[in-house]
Amino acid sequence: MLARARGPTPLARALPHTSTSISTLPSISSLRIPRRLCRRDLTAAAATSDGADAADAPVIGRGVDDADRAHMRRALELARLGLGRTAPNPAVGCVVVSASGRVVGEGYHPRAGLPHAEVYALRAAGNVARGATAYVTLEPCGHHGRTPPCAEALQDAGVARVVVGCADPNPLVAGGGGLAALRAAAVDVALIGGAEEEACRALNPEFMAHMEAEAAGRRGEAVRENRGGKGGNREKKRGGGRAPARGAPRRIV
């Protein structure tokens, strides 16, 4: 017989009370993956932002084993606990596993304005987070907002390895954000790839689609400015192009 667990779990210690049962959550195989979502290259996202060669950046799926995928699936279950409550932020889950392979911290983002998933998981892990591996469904943010950068929190906790489910297309994060900051701090970064990556992307379809469109718009504006064309000048006179759609999701950090 299995011994009964004593005391609260790492998740119960770190998170607000929730009545949602994880056992009722759908499996990854039941998720429908929106085909319209355009995948951003995670390898490019993990390259440093100072123009360095990305040849040594992590390759999607390299160094990832079955245990990594199992922990990422658990992080997905946690992330789903926040669905419908985090707007305009995405739902995110995080699991921290010690160097000995024991789950020592779990967390998810419960609501916009509250700490992110990584913060709750690191709080539960405490000092055991040093040398551990963190599994995060979405690329950790690397910029200051209403909360400090999650990439910085992972570094400060002494996490040795971070396995990321999918890249964040938010222009504030993409292109030298969380992944680049982690690599610059000598933290090993692994990109999950496969069905788990697709499931992480499918978790927040509206957020992903909007942020990818916004990022594409910014890239287009940058190209027009570099070319110095008349079209770009006209947009500047009009106030910088189209205003974002009313009610469009914007990540609060």
Protein backbone atom coordinates (compact mmCIF):
# COMPACT_ATOMS: atom_id res chain seq x y z
CA MET A 1 0.00 0.00 0.00
CA LEU A 2 1.10 3.53 -0.69
CA ALA A 3 1.79 5.69 2.32
CA ARG A 4 -0.67 8.55 2.82
CA ALA A 5 0.90 11.96 2.21
CA ARG A 6 1.31 14.05 5.35
CA GLY A 7 0.58 17.76 5.44
CA PRO A 8 -0.29 20.11 2.56
CA THR A 9 1.20 19.61 -0.87
CA PRO A 10 3.62 22.20 -2.33
CA LEU A 11 0.75 23.54 -4.43
CA ALA A 12 -1.60 23.87 -1.46
CA ARG A 13 1.03 25.75 0.53
CA ALA A 14 1.69 28.28 -2.22
CA LEU A 15 -1.63 28.95 -3.92
CA PRO A 16 -4.98 30.50 -3.04
CA HIS A 17 -7.77 28.02 -2.31
CA THR A 18 -9.44 26.57 -5.41
CA SER A 19 -12.32 24.13 -5.64
CA THR A 20 -11.27 22.86 -9.09
CA SER A 21 -10.28 19.21 -9.12
CA ILE A 22 -7.22 18.39 -11.20
CA SER A 23 -8.60 14.91 -11.80
CA THR A 24 -11.43 16.45 -13.83
CA LEU A 25 -9.09 18.24 -16.22
CA PRO A 26 -9.03 17.04 -19.85
CA SER A 27 -5.96 15.16 -21.04
CA ILE A 28 -3.55 16.62 -23.58
CA SER A 29 -4.81 14.22 -26.21
CA SER A 30 -8.26 15.87 -26.03
CA LEU A 31 -6.96 19.34 -26.87
CA ARG A 32 -7.73 20.79 -30.30
CA ILE A 33 -4.74 22.61 -31.73
CA PRO A 34 -5.73 25.73 -33.72
CA ARG A 35 -4.07 25.45 -37.11
CA ARG A 36 -4.15 29.20 -37.67
CA LEU A 37 -1.56 29.84 -34.98
CA CYS A 38 1.80 30.61 -36.52
CA ARG A 39 4.61 29.04 -34.51
CA ARG A 40 7.47 31.32 -33.54
CA ASP A 41 10.91 29.75 -33.64
CA LEU A 42 11.82 28.94 -30.05
CA THR A 43 15.47 28.52 -30.98
CA ALA A 44 15.63 32.11 -32.17
CA ALA A 45 13.87 33.23 -29.00
CA ALA A 46 16.51 31.53 -26.89
CA ALA A 47 19.37 33.28 -28.68
CA THR A 48 20.92 36.25 -26.96
CA SER A 49 19.48 39.66 -27.79
CA ASP A 50 22.80 41.37 -28.50
CA GLY A 51 23.05 40.01 -32.03
CA ALA A 52 25.20 37.03 -31.10
CA ASP A 53 25.18 33.94 -33.28
CA ALA A 54 22.29 31.62 -32.38
CA ALA A 55 24.21 28.52 -33.49
CA ASP A 56 24.71 27.46 -29.86
CA ALA A 57 21.10 28.14 -28.89
CA PRO A 58 19.11 25.13 -27.65
CA VAL A 59 17.45 22.96 -30.26
CA ILE A 60 13.76 22.14 -29.79
CA GLY A 61 13.41 18.75 -28.12
CA ARG A 62 17.13 18.20 -27.58
CA GLY A 63 18.00 16.89 -24.11
CA VAL A 64 14.32 16.33 -23.27
CA ASP A 65 13.29 12.92 -21.90
CA ASP A 66 10.05 11.24 -20.87
CA ALA A 67 10.32 12.57 -17.32
CA ASP A 68 10.58 16.14 -18.66
CA ARG A 69 7.45 15.63 -20.73
CA ALA A 70 5.56 14.20 -17.76
CA HIS A 71 6.43 17.24 -15.63
CA MET A 72 5.39 19.58 -18.45
CA ARG A 73 2.05 17.80 -18.67
CA ARG A 74 1.62 18.42 -14.96
CA ALA A 75 2.44 22.11 -15.50
CA LEU A 76 -0.28 22.16 -18.16
CA GLU A 77 -2.80 20.75 -15.68
CA LEU A 78 -1.89 23.51 -13.26
CA ALA A 79 -2.15 26.20 -15.93
CA ARG A 80 -5.67 25.08 -16.79
CA LEU A 81 -6.74 25.92 -13.22
CA GLY A 82 -6.43 29.59 -14.17
CA LEU A 83 -8.36 29.44 -17.44
CA GLY A 84 -11.11 32.07 -17.58
CA ARG A 85 -9.61 34.01 -14.67
CA THR A 86 -6.34 35.47 -15.94
CA ALA A 87 -7.44 37.76 -18.80
CA PRO A 88 -5.82 39.74 -20.24
CA ASN A 89 -2.88 37.59 -19.13
CA PRO A 90 -2.33 34.04 -20.37
CA ALA A 91 -2.88 31.00 -18.18
CA VAL A 92 0.50 29.60 -17.12
CA GLY A 93 1.63 26.68 -14.95
CA CYS A 94 4.98 25.85 -13.38
CA VAL A 95 6.50 22.81 -11.66
CA VAL A 96 9.84 22.82 -9.80
CA VAL A 97 11.67 19.48 -9.50
CA SER A 98 14.69 19.05 -7.25
CA ALA A 99 18.02 17.66 -8.42
CA SER A 100 16.98 14.32 -6.91
CA GLY A 101 13.85 14.23 -9.08
CA ARG A 102 11.29 15.15 -6.42
CA VAL A 103 8.53 17.68 -7.11
CA VAL A 104 9.12 20.44 -4.57
CA GLY A 105 7.00 23.31 -5.90
CA GLU A 106 3.95 23.88 -8.07
CA GLY A 107 2.14 27.02 -9.12
CA TYR A 108 -0.14 28.66 -11.63
CA HIS A 109 -1.18 32.22 -12.44
CA PRO A 110 -4.57 32.61 -10.70
CA ARG A 111 -5.55 36.11 -11.79
CA ALA A 112 -4.18 39.24 -13.50
CA GLY A 113 -2.39 41.40 -10.97
CA LEU A 114 -1.35 38.45 -8.79
CA PRO A 115 2.08 36.76 -8.95
CA HIS A 116 2.95 34.59 -11.90
CA ALA A 117 3.14 30.80 -11.87
CA GLU A 118 6.92 30.73 -11.40
CA VAL A 119 6.70 32.84 -8.24
CA TYR A 120 4.20 30.53 -6.54
CA ALA A 121 6.21 27.43 -7.48
CA LEU A 122 9.47 28.95 -6.21
CA ARG A 123 7.81 30.01 -2.94
CA ALA A 124 6.68 26.42 -2.37
CA ALA A 125 10.12 25.04 -3.22
CA GLY A 126 12.03 27.43 -0.97
CA ASN A 127 15.75 26.73 -0.72
CA VAL A 128 15.32 23.38 -2.47
CA ALA A 129 14.88 25.32 -5.72
CA ARG A 130 18.67 25.77 -5.87
CA GLY A 131 19.99 23.37 -8.49
CA ALA A 132 16.46 22.32 -9.46
CA THR A 133 14.67 22.21 -12.82
CA ALA A 134 11.65 24.44 -13.49
CA TYR A 135 9.02 23.45 -16.04
CA VAL A 136 7.02 26.42 -17.36
CA THR A 137 4.26 26.24 -19.96
CA LEU A 138 5.10 29.71 -21.35
CA GLU A 139 8.42 31.49 -21.77
CA PRO A 140 9.23 33.37 -18.53
CA CYS A 141 8.98 37.13 -18.86
CA GLY A 142 12.26 39.05 -18.81
CA HIS A 143 11.00 42.62 -18.39
CA HIS A 144 9.84 44.73 -15.45
CA GLY A 145 6.13 45.48 -15.20
CA ARG A 146 3.71 45.32 -12.28
CA THR A 147 5.83 42.38 -11.06
CA PRO A 148 9.57 41.69 -11.40
CA PRO A 149 10.74 39.49 -14.29
CA CYS A 150 10.09 35.79 -13.76
CA ALA A 151 13.38 34.98 -15.49
CA GLU A 152 15.12 37.00 -12.80
CA ALA A 153 13.20 35.19 -10.05
CA LEU A 154 14.32 31.84 -11.44
CA GLN A 155 17.94 33.01 -11.52
CA ASP A 156 17.80 34.41 -7.98
CA ALA A 157 16.37 31.11 -6.70
CA GLY A 158 19.36 29.26 -8.13
CA VAL A 159 17.39 27.15 -10.60
CA ALA A 160 19.88 25.27 -12.78
CA ARG A 161 17.63 24.30 -15.68
CA VAL A 162 14.42 25.64 -17.19
CA VAL A 163 12.26 23.61 -19.57
CA VAL A 164 9.91 25.84 -21.58
CA GLY A 165 6.66 24.72 -23.16
CA CYS A 166 6.32 27.44 -25.79
CA ALA A 167 7.63 30.90 -26.62
CA ASP A 168 5.72 34.03 -25.66
CA PRO A 169 5.02 36.14 -28.79
CA ASN A 170 4.36 39.23 -26.64
CA PRO A 171 6.68 41.92 -28.13
CA LEU A 172 7.78 42.79 -24.58
CA VAL A 173 9.04 39.23 -24.08
CA ALA A 174 10.00 38.02 -27.55
CA GLY A 175 13.41 38.62 -29.08
CA GLY A 176 15.82 38.58 -26.16
CA GLY A 177 13.36 38.23 -23.31
CA GLY A 178 13.17 35.48 -20.74
CA LEU A 179 15.03 32.72 -22.56
CA ALA A 180 17.95 34.94 -23.52
CA ALA A 181 18.20 36.31 -19.99
CA LEU A 182 18.32 32.80 -18.56
CA ARG A 183 21.02 31.69 -20.97
CA ALA A 184 23.04 34.81 -20.24
CA ALA A 185 22.94 33.81 -16.56
CA ALA A 186 24.30 30.33 -17.41
CA VAL A 187 20.95 28.64 -16.77
CA ASP A 188 20.43 25.58 -18.96
CA VAL A 189 17.39 26.11 -21.20
CA ALA A 190 15.53 23.23 -22.84
CA LEU A 191 12.68 23.55 -25.32
CA ILE A 192 10.08 20.82 -24.90
CA GLY A 193 8.82 20.50 -28.49
CA GLY A 194 6.38 17.83 -29.64
CA ALA A 195 2.82 17.38 -28.44
CA GLU A 196 3.54 19.19 -25.18
CA GLU A 197 4.61 22.35 -27.00
CA GLU A 198 1.48 22.28 -29.15
CA ALA A 199 -0.67 21.81 -26.05
CA CYS A 200 1.01 24.76 -24.34
CA ARG A 201 0.32 26.95 -27.37
CA ALA A 202 -3.30 25.78 -27.58
CA LEU A 203 -3.89 26.74 -23.95
CA ASN A 204 -4.20 30.48 -24.73
CA PRO A 205 -5.31 30.77 -28.39
CA GLU A 206 -6.70 34.32 -28.23
CA PHE A 207 -3.67 35.68 -26.37
CA MET A 208 -1.22 33.94 -28.72
CA ALA A 209 -3.01 35.06 -31.89
CA HIS A 210 -3.29 38.67 -30.74
CA MET A 211 0.31 38.93 -29.58
CA GLU A 212 1.62 37.37 -32.78
CA ALA A 213 -0.40 39.89 -34.79
CA GLU A 214 0.91 42.75 -32.65
CA ALA A 215 4.49 41.52 -32.99
CA ALA A 216 4.08 41.25 -36.76
CA GLY A 217 2.73 44.79 -36.87
CA ARG A 218 5.72 46.12 -34.95
CA ARG A 219 8.11 44.30 -37.27
CA GLY A 220 6.34 45.84 -40.25
CA GLU A 221 6.61 49.32 -38.76
CA ALA A 222 10.32 48.79 -38.11
CA VAL A 223 10.88 47.73 -41.72
CA ARG A 224 9.06 50.79 -43.03
CA GLU A 225 11.05 53.07 -40.74
CA ASN A 226 14.32 51.52 -41.87
CA ARG A 227 13.36 51.99 -45.49
CA GLY A 228 12.33 55.59 -44.86
CA GLY A 229 9.40 55.16 -47.22
CA LYS A 230 6.51 57.56 -47.60
CA GLY A 231 4.08 55.01 -46.25
CA GLY A 232 5.88 54.87 -42.92
CA ASN A 233 5.93 58.68 -42.69
CA ARG A 234 2.22 58.86 -43.38
CA GLU A 235 1.54 56.40 -40.55
CA LYS A 236 3.62 58.50 -38.16
CA LYS A 237 1.54 61.58 -39.02
CA ARG A 238 -1.64 59.62 -38.35
CA GLY A 239 -0.40 58.59 -34.92
CA GLY A 240 1.59 55.42 -35.55
CA GLY A 241 -0.89 53.18 -37.37
CA ARG A 242 -3.99 51.33 -36.25
CA ALA A 243 -5.15 51.43 -32.67
CA PRO A 244 -5.53 48.05 -30.97
CA ALA A 245 -8.97 46.51 -31.11
CA ARG A 246 -11.21 47.23 -28.13
CA GLY A 247 -11.03 44.44 -25.62
CA ALA A 248 -7.90 42.91 -27.19
CA PRO A 249 -5.85 40.94 -24.65
CA ARG A 250 -2.74 42.63 -23.29
CA ARG A 251 -0.51 40.93 -20.81
CA ILE A 252 -0.36 42.59 -17.41
CA VAL A 253 2.85 41.77 -15.58
